Each structure stands twice: as C-alpha cells, then as structure tokens.
C-alpha cells in the first residue's frame, strides 16, 4: 500500500468535485426549505395529495446521490462514494493516497 500525494491536476479535479458538491448541496437545501415552507401556497401539496411535492423533493435529492456515487480516487480510480460527505476524505482507503495536496510551505 503505497502512500503518496495527488498531482496538481488530480488535486484540481478533486477540488472541482468538492465545489460542485458543496454548491449543489447549498442550492438544494435552500430550495427544499423554500418548497417545504411554501408548498401549500404554491399548490404543490394539500391535505390528501403530496404527489407533485414528492416528485420535486426526489428531483432535488437525486443529484446529491449521483454526485456522491461518482467520486473516485484520482490516483487509483477506486470509488469513494459515501466515505465522502461534502468534502473528499483525507486519504483513500484503497491505495492510501492522501487526497489533500502536499503543502508547499512545509
């Protein structure tokens, strides 16, 4: 199990995934709060039917799942998946590569 660091190109790809993941999560969270607070005023739900609201919630949450499942270690290609939350983990469990660029000041 060789441990190493990512190249600058691999690191930038990983940071790009983190930015997309974080930005979409913030968007989806705000959209879900607005939709849930104003669902009855928007005509999305009533006492008996939640069909359109359920579809909208699923449409907002599905990309979060897809983004999580697409994350792979740039060094070995192993899927990281749910090990990552909003940010990539510090180290790949498969190959041991550190998923943070080596600090140039150290």
C-alpha atoms as a PDB file:
ATOM      1  CA  UNK A   1       0.000   0.000   0.000  1.00  0.00           C
ATOM      2  CA  UNK A   2       1.991   2.948  -1.275  1.00  0.00           C
ATOM      3  CA  UNK A   3       1.080   6.307   0.157  1.00  0.00           C
ATOM      4  CA  UNK A   4       1.593   9.410  -1.867  1.00  0.00           C
ATOM      5  CA  UNK A   5       0.075  12.704  -2.758  1.00  0.00           C
ATOM      6  CA  UNK A   6      -2.042  13.794  -5.693  1.00  0.00           C
ATOM      7  CA  UNK A   7      -0.562  15.611  -8.632  1.00  0.00           C
ATOM      8  CA  UNK A   8      -1.734  19.216  -9.074  1.00  0.00           C
ATOM      9  CA  UNK A   9      -4.030  18.100 -11.930  1.00  0.00           C
ATOM     10  CA  UNK A  10      -5.592  15.332  -9.841  1.00  0.00           C
ATOM     11  CA  UNK A  11      -5.963  17.732  -6.925  1.00  0.00           C
ATOM     12  CA  UNK A  12      -7.739  20.323  -9.079  1.00  0.00           C
ATOM     13  CA  UNK A  13     -10.173  17.658 -10.349  1.00  0.00           C
ATOM     14  CA  UNK A  14     -10.962  16.658  -6.775  1.00  0.00           C
ATOM     15  CA  UNK A  15     -11.423  20.285  -5.653  1.00  0.00           C
ATOM     16  CA  UNK A  16     -13.748  20.847  -8.624  1.00  0.00           C
ATOM     17  CA  UNK A  17     -15.894  17.894  -7.445  1.00  0.00           C
ATOM     18  CA  UNK A  18     -15.931  19.360  -3.925  1.00  0.00           C
ATOM     19  CA  UNK A  19     -17.047  22.759  -5.239  1.00  0.00           C
ATOM     20  CA  UNK A  20     -19.855  21.222  -7.326  1.00  0.00           C
ATOM     21  CA  UNK A  21     -20.948  19.033  -4.434  1.00  0.00           C
ATOM     22  CA  UNK A  22     -20.923  21.880  -1.906  1.00  0.00           C
ATOM     23  CA  UNK A  23     -22.652  24.379  -4.199  1.00  0.00           C
ATOM     24  CA  UNK A  24     -25.372  21.959  -5.240  1.00  0.00           C
ATOM     25  CA  UNK A  25     -25.955  20.928  -1.627  1.00  0.00           C
ATOM     26  CA  UNK A  26     -26.431  24.579  -0.603  1.00  0.00           C
ATOM     27  CA  UNK A  27     -28.784  25.167  -3.551  1.00  0.00           C
ATOM     28  CA  UNK A  28     -30.805  22.022  -2.800  1.00  0.00           C
ATOM     29  CA  UNK A  29     -31.024  22.814   0.910  1.00  0.00           C
ATOM     30  CA  UNK A  30     -32.325  26.343   0.274  1.00  0.00           C
ATOM     31  CA  UNK A  31     -34.714  25.093  -2.427  1.00  0.00           C
ATOM     32  CA  UNK A  32     -36.048  22.323  -0.153  1.00  0.00           C
ATOM     33  CA  UNK A  33     -36.655  24.762   2.692  1.00  0.00           C
ATOM     34  CA  UNK A  34     -38.488  27.166   0.382  1.00  0.00           C
ATOM     35  CA  UNK A  35     -40.522  24.402  -1.237  1.00  0.00           C
ATOM     36  CA  UNK A  36     -41.462  22.819   2.077  1.00  0.00           C
ATOM     37  CA  UNK A  37     -42.364  26.119   3.732  1.00  0.00           C
ATOM     38  CA  UNK A  38     -44.418  27.373   0.809  1.00  0.00           C
ATOM     39  CA  UNK A  39     -45.676  24.066  -0.631  1.00  0.00           C
ATOM     40  CA  UNK A  40     -49.339  24.652   0.142  1.00  0.00           C
ATOM     41  CA  UNK A  41     -49.213  28.251  -1.154  1.00  0.00           C
ATOM     42  CA  UNK A  42     -47.519  27.036  -4.332  1.00  0.00           C
ATOM     43  CA  UNK A  43     -50.212  24.403  -4.799  1.00  0.00           C
ATOM     44  CA  UNK A  44     -47.748  21.528  -4.503  1.00  0.00           C
ATOM     45  CA  UNK A  45     -49.465  19.773  -1.636  1.00  0.00           C
ATOM     46  CA  UNK A  46     -52.795  19.525   0.007  1.00  0.00           C
ATOM     47  CA  UNK A  47     -54.127  17.550   2.940  1.00  0.00           C
ATOM     48  CA  UNK A  48     -54.610  14.421   0.815  1.00  0.00           C
ATOM     49  CA  UNK A  49     -52.162  14.664  -2.094  1.00  0.00           C
ATOM     50  CA  UNK A  50     -48.411  15.152  -1.927  1.00  0.00           C
ATOM     51  CA  UNK A  51     -47.641  13.851  -5.439  1.00  0.00           C
ATOM     52  CA  UNK A  52     -46.044  16.952  -7.025  1.00  0.00           C
ATOM     53  CA  UNK A  53     -44.178  17.800  -3.823  1.00  0.00           C
ATOM     54  CA  UNK A  54     -42.753  14.285  -3.557  1.00  0.00           C
ATOM     55  CA  UNK A  55     -41.585  14.414  -7.171  1.00  0.00           C
ATOM     56  CA  UNK A  56     -39.916  17.800  -6.597  1.00  0.00           C
ATOM     57  CA  UNK A  57     -38.144  16.584  -3.455  1.00  0.00           C
ATOM     58  CA  UNK A  58     -36.890  13.483  -5.283  1.00  0.00           C
ATOM     59  CA  UNK A  59     -35.705  15.643  -8.191  1.00  0.00           C
ATOM     60  CA  UNK A  60     -33.690  17.843  -5.802  1.00  0.00           C
ATOM     61  CA  UNK A  61     -32.147  14.947  -3.838  1.00  0.00           C
ATOM     62  CA  UNK A  62     -31.245  12.617  -6.737  1.00  0.00           C
ATOM     63  CA  UNK A  63     -28.282  14.744  -7.970  1.00  0.00           C
ATOM     64  CA  UNK A  64     -26.776  14.657  -4.463  1.00  0.00           C
ATOM     65  CA  UNK A  65     -26.769  10.855  -4.602  1.00  0.00           C
ATOM     66  CA  UNK A  66     -25.324  10.856  -8.118  1.00  0.00           C
ATOM     67  CA  UNK A  67     -22.539  13.285  -7.137  1.00  0.00           C
ATOM     68  CA  UNK A  68     -21.609  11.093  -4.164  1.00  0.00           C
ATOM     69  CA  UNK A  69     -21.504   7.908  -6.223  1.00  0.00           C
ATOM     70  CA  UNK A  70     -19.364   9.495  -8.966  1.00  0.00           C
ATOM     71  CA  UNK A  71     -16.470  10.399  -6.671  1.00  0.00           C
ATOM     72  CA  UNK A  72     -13.453   8.189  -7.269  1.00  0.00           C
ATOM     73  CA  UNK A  73      -9.875   8.406  -6.042  1.00  0.00           C
ATOM     74  CA  UNK A  74      -7.925  10.248  -8.756  1.00  0.00           C
ATOM     75  CA  UNK A  75      -4.867   8.079  -8.109  1.00  0.00           C
ATOM     76  CA  UNK A  76      -6.326   4.550  -8.252  1.00  0.00           C
ATOM     77  CA  UNK A  77      -9.860   5.075  -9.578  1.00  0.00           C
ATOM     78  CA  UNK A  78     -11.496   3.309  -6.603  1.00  0.00           C
ATOM     79  CA  UNK A  79     -14.992   4.647  -5.870  1.00  0.00           C
ATOM     80  CA  UNK A  80     -15.001   6.588  -2.620  1.00  0.00           C
ATOM     81  CA  UNK A  81     -18.768   7.032  -2.544  1.00  0.00           C
ATOM     82  CA  UNK A  82     -20.344   7.561   0.870  1.00  0.00           C
ATOM     83  CA  UNK A  83     -16.963   7.776   2.621  1.00  0.00           C
ATOM     84  CA  UNK A  84     -17.036  11.411   1.467  1.00  0.00           C
ATOM     85  CA  UNK A  85     -19.561  13.837   2.848  1.00  0.00           C
ATOM     86  CA  UNK A  86     -19.397  17.349   1.413  1.00  0.00           C
ATOM     87  CA  UNK A  87     -15.631  17.118   1.062  1.00  0.00           C
ATOM     88  CA  UNK A  88     -13.346  14.313  -0.029  1.00  0.00           C
ATOM     89  CA  UNK A  89     -11.793  12.298   2.811  1.00  0.00           C
ATOM     90  CA  UNK A  90      -8.198  12.958   3.826  1.00  0.00           C
ATOM     91  CA  UNK A  91      -6.929   9.646   2.466  1.00  0.00           C
ATOM     92  CA  UNK A  92      -8.089   6.929   0.063  1.00  0.00           C
ATOM     93  CA  UNK A  93      -8.819   3.715   1.973  1.00  0.00           C
ATOM     94  CA  UNK A  94      -7.903   1.615  -1.071  1.00  0.00           C
ATOM     95  CA  UNK A  95      -4.473   2.906  -2.129  1.00  0.00           C
ATOM     96  CA  UNK A  96      -3.519   5.141   0.812  1.00  0.00           C
ATOM     97  CA  UNK A  97      -3.027   8.238  -1.328  1.00  0.00           C
ATOM     98  CA  UNK A  98      -3.532  11.472   0.562  1.00  0.00           C
ATOM     99  CA  UNK A  99      -6.365  13.354  -1.094  1.00  0.00           C
ATOM    100  CA  UNK A 100      -5.039  16.712   0.006  1.00  0.00           C
ATOM    101  CA  UNK A 101      -2.182  18.287  -1.924  1.00  0.00           C
ATOM    102  CA  UNK A 102       1.137  18.375  -0.149  1.00  0.00           C
ATOM    103  CA  UNK A 103       1.506  21.779   1.488  1.00  0.00           C
ATOM    104  CA  UNK A 104       4.268  23.624  -0.432  1.00  0.00           C
ATOM    105  CA  UNK A 105       5.237  25.630   2.687  1.00  0.00           C
ATOM    106  CA  UNK A 106       6.233  22.503   4.665  1.00  0.00           C
END
